[in-house]
PDB file of N, CA and C in Angstrom:
ATOM      1  N   MET A   1     130.078  79.023 105.353  1.00  0.00           N
ATOM      2  CA  MET A   1     130.154  78.177 106.461  1.00  0.00           C
ATOM      3  C   MET A   1     130.140  76.979 105.820  1.00  0.00           C
ATOM      4  N   ASN A   2     128.937  76.835 105.535  1.00  0.00           N
ATOM      5  CA  ASN A   2     128.784  75.569 104.769  1.00  0.00           C
ATOM      6  C   ASN A   2     128.992  75.384 103.269  1.00  0.00           C
ATOM      7  N   VAL A   3     129.011  77.353 102.273  1.00  0.00           N
ATOM      8  CA  VAL A   3     130.066  76.307 100.813  1.00  0.00           C
ATOM      9  C   VAL A   3     131.283  76.100 100.791  1.00  0.00           C
ATOM     10  N   VAL A   4     132.118  76.027 102.444  1.00  0.00           N
ATOM     11  CA  VAL A   4     133.325  76.026 102.839  1.00  0.00           C
ATOM     12  C   VAL A   4     133.061  74.593 103.226  1.00  0.00           C
ATOM     13  N   LEU A   5     132.601  73.635 103.267  1.00  0.00           N
ATOM     14  CA  LEU A   5     132.141  72.201 103.977  1.00  0.00           C
ATOM     15  C   LEU A   5     131.329  71.974 102.571  1.00  0.00           C
ATOM     16  N   TYR A   6     131.344  72.016 101.483  1.00  0.00           N
ATOM     17  CA  TYR A   6     130.232  71.828 100.520  1.00  0.00           C
ATOM     18  C   TYR A   6     131.325  71.890  99.003  1.00  0.00           C
ATOM     19  N   LEU A   7     132.632  72.490  99.068  1.00  0.00           N
ATOM     20  CA  LEU A   7     133.581  72.769  98.386  1.00  0.00           C
ATOM     21  C   LEU A   7     134.600  71.676  98.606  1.00  0.00           C
ATOM     22  N   LEU A   8     134.447  71.527 100.001  1.00  0.00           N
ATOM     23  CA  LEU A   8     135.513  70.969 100.411  1.00  0.00           C
ATOM     24  C   LEU A   8     135.063  69.091 100.170  1.00  0.00           C
ATOM     25  N   LEU A   9     133.770  69.010 100.854  1.00  0.00           N
ATOM     26  CA  LEU A   9     132.983  67.597 100.265  1.00  0.00           C
ATOM     27  C   LEU A   9     133.317  67.356  98.524  1.00  0.00           C
ATOM     28  N   LEU A  10     133.623  68.943  97.778  1.00  0.00           N
ATOM     29  CA  LEU A  10     133.444  68.413  95.966  1.00  0.00           C
ATOM     30  C   LEU A  10     134.388  68.591  95.839  1.00  0.00           C
ATOM     31  N   SER A  11     135.733  68.535  96.487  1.00  0.00           N
ATOM     32  CA  SER A  11     137.335  68.741  95.417  1.00  0.00           C
ATOM     33  C   SER A  11     137.533  67.153  96.557  1.00  0.00           C
ATOM     34  N   LEU A  12     136.549  66.667  97.380  1.00  0.00           N
ATOM     35  CA  LEU A  12     137.387  65.118  97.941  1.00  0.00           C
ATOM     36  C   LEU A  12     136.779  64.241  97.351  1.00  0.00           C
ATOM     37  N   MET A  13     136.022  64.694  96.945  1.00  0.00           N
ATOM     38  CA  MET A  13     135.283  63.264  95.198  1.00  0.00           C
ATOM     39  C   MET A  13     136.235  63.619  93.902  1.00  0.00           C
ATOM     40  N   ILE A  14     136.698  64.719  94.238  1.00  0.00           N
ATOM     41  CA  ILE A  14     136.906  65.186  92.519  1.00  0.00           C
ATOM     42  C   ILE A  14     138.654  64.710  92.632  1.00  0.00           C
ATOM     43  N   GLY A  15     139.108  65.130  93.692  1.00  0.00           N
ATOM     44  CA  GLY A  15     140.362  63.919  93.297  1.00  0.00           C
ATOM     45  C   GLY A  15     140.372  62.589  94.703  1.00  0.00           C
ATOM     46  N   GLY A  16     139.351  62.059  94.738  1.00  0.00           N
ATOM     47  CA  GLY A  16     138.819  60.724  94.756  1.00  0.00           C
ATOM     48  C   GLY A  16     138.701  60.229  93.357  1.00  0.00           C
ATOM     49  N   ALA A  17     138.147  60.670  92.662  1.00  0.00           N
ATOM     50  CA  ALA A  17     137.546  60.923  90.808  1.00  0.00           C
ATOM     51  C   ALA A  17     139.472  59.833  90.003  1.00  0.00           C
ATOM     52  N   GLY A  18     139.921  61.478  90.310  1.00  0.00           N
ATOM     53  CA  GLY A  18     141.247  61.429  89.887  1.00  0.00           C
ATOM     54  C   GLY A  18     141.889  60.497  90.379  1.00  0.00           C
ATOM     55  N   LEU A  19     142.084  60.198  91.571  1.00  0.00           N
ATOM     56  CA  LEU A  19     143.485  58.494  92.251  1.00  0.00           C
ATOM     57  C   LEU A  19     142.211  57.615  91.421  1.00  0.00           C
ATOM     58  N   ALA A  20     141.109  57.115  91.408  1.00  0.00           N
ATOM     59  CA  ALA A  20     140.350  55.652  90.914  1.00  0.00           C
ATOM     60  C   ALA A  20     140.702  55.975  89.609  1.00  0.00           C
ATOM     61  N   VAL A  21     141.090  57.430  88.429  1.00  0.00           N
ATOM     62  CA  VAL A  21     141.218  57.290  87.040  1.00  0.00           C
ATOM     63  C   VAL A  21     142.229  57.064  86.909  1.00  0.00           C
ATOM     64  N   PHE A  22     143.140  57.368  87.580  1.00  0.00           N
ATOM     65  CA  PHE A  22     144.587  56.532  87.602  1.00  0.00           C
ATOM     66  C   PHE A  22     145.287  55.610  87.930  1.00  0.00           C
ATOM     67  N   LEU A  23     144.619  55.039  88.808  1.00  0.00           N
ATOM     68  CA  LEU A  23     144.989  53.809  89.264  1.00  0.00           C
ATOM     69  C   LEU A  23     143.950  52.479  88.030  1.00  0.00           C
ATOM     70  N   TRP A  24     143.499  52.536  87.731  1.00  0.00           N
ATOM     71  CA  TRP A  24     142.504  52.817  86.620  1.00  0.00           C
ATOM     72  C   TRP A  24     143.471  51.716  85.088  1.00  0.00           C
ATOM     73  N   THR A  25     144.009  53.426  85.399  1.00  0.00           N
ATOM     74  CA  THR A  25     145.319  53.355  83.955  1.00  0.00           C
ATOM     75  C   THR A  25     146.092  52.789  84.314  1.00  0.00           C
ATOM     76  N   LEU A  26     146.837  52.522  85.659  1.00  0.00           N
ATOM     77  CA  LEU A  26     148.303  51.928  86.025  1.00  0.00           C
ATOM     78  C   LEU A  26     147.135  49.888  85.756  1.00  0.00           C
ATOM     79  N   ARG A  27     146.755  49.793  86.414  1.00  0.00           N
ATOM     80  CA  ARG A  27     146.441  48.506  86.216  1.00  0.00           C
ATOM     81  C   ARG A  27     145.817  47.770  85.061  1.00  0.00           C
ATOM     82  N   SER A  28     145.291  48.800  84.235  1.00  0.00           N
ATOM     83  CA  SER A  28     145.522  48.198  82.301  1.00  0.00           C
ATOM     84  C   SER A  28     146.177  48.634  81.359  1.00  0.00           C
ATOM     85  N   GLY A  29     147.595  48.894  82.325  1.00  0.00           N
ATOM     86  CA  GLY A  29     148.877  48.160  81.418  1.00  0.00           C
ATOM     87  C   GLY A  29     149.316  50.050  80.332  1.00  0.00           C
ATOM     88  N   GLN A  30     148.467  50.981  80.873  1.00  0.00           N
ATOM     89  CA  GLN A  30     148.763  52.362  80.276  1.00  0.00           C
ATOM     90  C   GLN A  30     149.686  52.869  79.732  1.00  0.00           C
ATOM     91  N   TYR A  31     151.403  52.440  81.030  1.00  0.00           N
ATOM     92  CA  TYR A  31     151.847  52.957  81.096  1.00  0.00           C
ATOM     93  C   TYR A  31     153.280  51.453  81.036  1.00  0.00           C
ATOM     94  N   ASP A  32     153.459  51.197  80.501  1.00  0.00           N
ATOM     95  CA  ASP A  32     154.100  49.839  80.530  1.00  0.00           C
ATOM     96  C   ASP A  32     155.631  49.810  79.973  1.00  0.00           C
ATOM     97  N   ASP A  33     154.340  50.383  78.266  1.00  0.00           N
ATOM     98  CA  ASP A  33     155.788  50.334  77.650  1.00  0.00           C
ATOM     99  C   ASP A  33     156.581  52.096  77.454  1.00  0.00           C
ATOM    100  N   MET A  34     157.568  52.439  77.637  1.00  0.00           N
ATOM    101  CA  MET A  34     157.469  54.257  77.397  1.00  0.00           C
ATOM    102  C   MET A  34     157.784  54.245  76.715  1.00  0.00           C
ATOM    103  N   GLU A  35     158.751  53.828  76.625  1.00  0.00           N
ATOM    104  CA  GLU A  35     160.032  54.026  75.558  1.00  0.00           C
ATOM    105  C   GLU A  35     159.601  53.392  73.969  1.00  0.00           C
ATOM    106  N   GLY A  36     158.288  52.515  74.169  1.00  0.00           N
ATOM    107  CA  GLY A  36     158.322  52.148  72.581  1.00  0.00           C
ATOM    108  C   GLY A  36     157.307  53.237  71.591  1.00  0.00           C
ATOM    109  N   ALA A  37     156.918  54.398  72.466  1.00  0.00           N
ATOM    110  CA  ALA A  37     155.603  55.435  71.880  1.00  0.00           C
ATOM    111  C   ALA A  37     157.218  56.501  70.884  1.00  0.00           C
ATOM    112  N   ALA A  38     157.636  56.604  72.539  1.00  0.00           N
ATOM    113  CA  ALA A  38     159.225  57.633  72.093  1.00  0.00           C
ATOM    114  C   ALA A  38     159.642  57.448  71.093  1.00  0.00           C
ATOM    115  N   ASN A  39     160.291  56.143  70.176  1.00  0.00           N
ATOM    116  CA  ASN A  39     161.327  54.956  70.226  1.00  0.00           C
ATOM    117  C   ASN A  39     160.507  55.531  67.946  1.00  0.00           C
ATOM    118  N   ARG A  40     158.793  55.352  68.055  1.00  0.00           N
ATOM    119  CA  ARG A  40     158.192  54.898  67.015  1.00  0.00           C
ATOM    120  C   ARG A  40     158.557  55.842  66.667  1.00  0.00           C
ATOM    121  N   ILE A  41     157.646  57.031  66.832  1.00  0.00           N
ATOM    122  CA  ILE A  41     157.935  58.498  66.167  1.00  0.00           C
ATOM    123  C   ILE A  41     159.009  58.715  65.121  1.00  0.00           C
ATOM    124  N   LEU A  42     160.081  58.340  65.910  1.00  0.00           N
ATOM    125  CA  LEU A  42     161.301  58.600  65.486  1.00  0.00           C
ATOM    126  C   LEU A  42     161.763  57.796  64.015  1.00  0.00           C
ATOM    127  N   PHE A  43     160.724  56.880  63.699  1.00  0.00           N
ATOM    128  CA  PHE A  43     161.089  55.949  62.486  1.00  0.00           C
ATOM    129  C   PHE A  43     160.004  56.299  61.452  1.00  0.00           C
ATOM    130  N   ASP A  44     159.831  55.586  60.602  1.00  0.00           N
ATOM    131  CA  ASP A  44     159.180  56.360  59.499  1.00  0.00           C
ATOM    132  C   ASP A  44     158.881  54.525  58.863  1.00  0.00           C
ATOM    133  N   ASP A  45     158.586  54.043  58.862  1.00  0.00           N
ATOM    134  CA  ASP A  45     157.624  52.570  58.617  1.00  0.00           C
ATOM    135  C   ASP A  45     158.366  52.792  56.345  1.00  0.00           C
ATOM    136  N   ALA A  46     158.052  51.350  56.502  1.00  0.00           N
ATOM    137  CA  ALA A  46     158.987  50.653  54.796  1.00  0.00           C
ATOM    138  C   ALA A  46     158.390  51.932  54.290  1.00  0.00           C
ATOM    139  N   GLU A  47     156.924  50.636  54.343  1.00  0.00           N
ATOM    140  CA  GLU A  47     155.900  50.995  53.813  1.00  0.00           C
ATOM    141  C   GLU A  47     155.257  52.437  53.022  1.00  0.00           C
ATOM    142  N   ALA A  48     155.606  53.224  54.165  1.00  0.00           N
ATOM    143  CA  ALA A  48     154.868  54.863  54.564  1.00  0.00           C
ATOM    144  C   ALA A  48     155.892  55.087  53.096  1.00  0.00           C
ATOM    145  N   VAL A  49     156.912  55.087  53.089  1.00  0.00           N
ATOM    146  CA  VAL A  49     157.728  55.889  52.613  1.00  0.00           C
ATOM    147  C   VAL A  49     158.494  55.633  50.813  1.00  0.00           C
ATOM    148  N   ALA A  50     158.240  54.064  50.834  1.00  0.00           N
ATOM    149  CA  ALA A  50     158.522  53.633  49.321  1.00  0.00           C
ATOM    150  C   ALA A  50     156.760  53.819  48.381  1.00  0.00           C
ATOM    151  N   PRO A  51     156.497  54.881  47.380  1.00  0.00           N
ATOM    152  CA  PRO A  51     155.531  54.824  46.542  1.00  0.00           C
ATOM    153  C   PRO A  51     155.841  53.994  45.536  1.00  0.00           C
ATOM    154  N   ALA A  52     154.052  53.989  45.695  1.00  0.00           N
ATOM    155  CA  ALA A  52     153.486  52.653  45.011  1.00  0.00           C
ATOM    156  C   ALA A  52     154.264  53.312  44.235  1.00  0.00           C
ATOM    157  N   PRO A  53     153.951  51.700  42.888  1.00  0.00           N
ATOM    158  CA  PRO A  53     153.897  51.745  42.017  1.00  0.00           C
ATOM    159  C   PRO A  53     152.907  52.174  40.096  1.00  0.00           C
ATOM    160  N   PRO A  54     153.507  52.951  40.018  1.00  0.00           N
ATOM    161  CA  PRO A  54     152.561  53.213  38.701  1.00  0.00           C
ATOM    162  C   PRO A  54     151.521  51.890  38.209  1.00  0.00           C
ATOM    163  N   ALA A  55     150.379  52.289  37.977  1.00  0.00           N
ATOM    164  CA  ALA A  55     149.353  52.093  37.543  1.00  0.00           C
ATOM    165  C   ALA A  55     149.361  51.412  35.367  1.00  0.00           C
ATOM    166  N   GLN A  56     149.954  50.511  35.233  1.00  0.00           N
ATOM    167  CA  GLN A  56     150.176  50.382  34.348  1.00  0.00           C
ATOM    168  C   GLN A  56     148.465  49.931  33.154  1.00  0.00           C
ATOM    169  N   PRO A  57     148.172  50.615  32.487  1.00  0.00           N
ATOM    170  CA  PRO A  57     146.927  50.359  31.735  1.00  0.00           C
ATOM    171  C   PRO A  57     147.068  48.610  30.472  1.00  0.00           C
ATOM    172  N   PRO A  58     146.207  48.172  30.638  1.00  0.00           N
ATOM    173  CA  PRO A  58     146.282  46.429  30.449  1.00  0.00           C
ATOM    174  C   PRO A  58     146.557  46.893  28.243  1.00  0.00           C
ATOM    175  N   PRO A  59     147.637  44.988  28.845  1.00  0.00           N
ATOM    176  CA  PRO A  59     147.868  45.514  27.415  1.00  0.00           C
ATOM    177  C   PRO A  59     146.661  45.766  25.954  1.00  0.00           C
ATOM    178  N   ARG A  60     147.061  46.775  24.921  1.00  0.00           N
ATOM    179  CA  ARG A  60     145.374  46.677  24.291  1.00  0.00           C
ATOM    180  C   ARG A  60     146.281  45.022  23.064  1.00  0.00           C
ATOM    181  N   ALA A  61     145.201  44.518  22.354  1.00  0.00           N
ATOM    182  CA  ALA A  61     145.064  43.573  21.765  1.00  0.00           C
ATOM    183  C   ALA A  61     145.502  44.433  19.643  1.00  0.00           C
ATOM    184  N   PRO A  62     146.587  43.698  19.045  1.00  0.00           N
ATOM    185  CA  PRO A  62     146.258  44.280  18.050  1.00  0.00           C
ATOM    186  C   PRO A  62     145.466  45.159  17.045  1.00  0.00           C
ATOM    187  N   SER A  63     145.706  46.014  17.082  1.00  0.00           N
ATOM    188  CA  SER A  63     144.790  46.412  15.166  1.00  0.00           C
ATOM    189  C   SER A  63     144.912  45.591  14.124  1.00  0.00           C
ATOM    190  N   VAL A  64     143.545  44.805  13.314  1.00  0.00           N
ATOM    191  CA  VAL A  64     144.066  44.476  11.965  1.00  0.00           C
ATOM    192  C   VAL A  64     143.621  45.791  11.177  1.00  0.00           C
ATOM    193  N   PRO A  65     144.146  45.730   9.894  1.00  0.00           N
ATOM    194  CA  PRO A  65     144.207  46.779   9.316  1.00  0.00           C
ATOM    195  C   PRO A  65     142.290  46.415   8.001  1.00  0.00           C
ATOM    196  N   PRO A  66     141.589  47.697   8.126  1.00  0.00           N
ATOM    197  CA  PRO A  66     140.400  46.932   6.958  1.00  0.00           C
ATOM    198  C   PRO A  66     140.690  46.512   5.269  1.00  0.00           C
TER     199      PRO A  66
END
């Protein structure tokens, strides 16, 4: 019977901790923009899609025949 009381207290403590974490996430604003993250994954950034231009070597000085 004592084990049941310990488990009941333990489950209430875990539930209270879960509720406290949920309330903390509400206050910190983690659920403010629910549509933004869903829309962001659908569109690519323009910078990420365009390939970088190839690097060109510096111009050489004209060679003088000996």
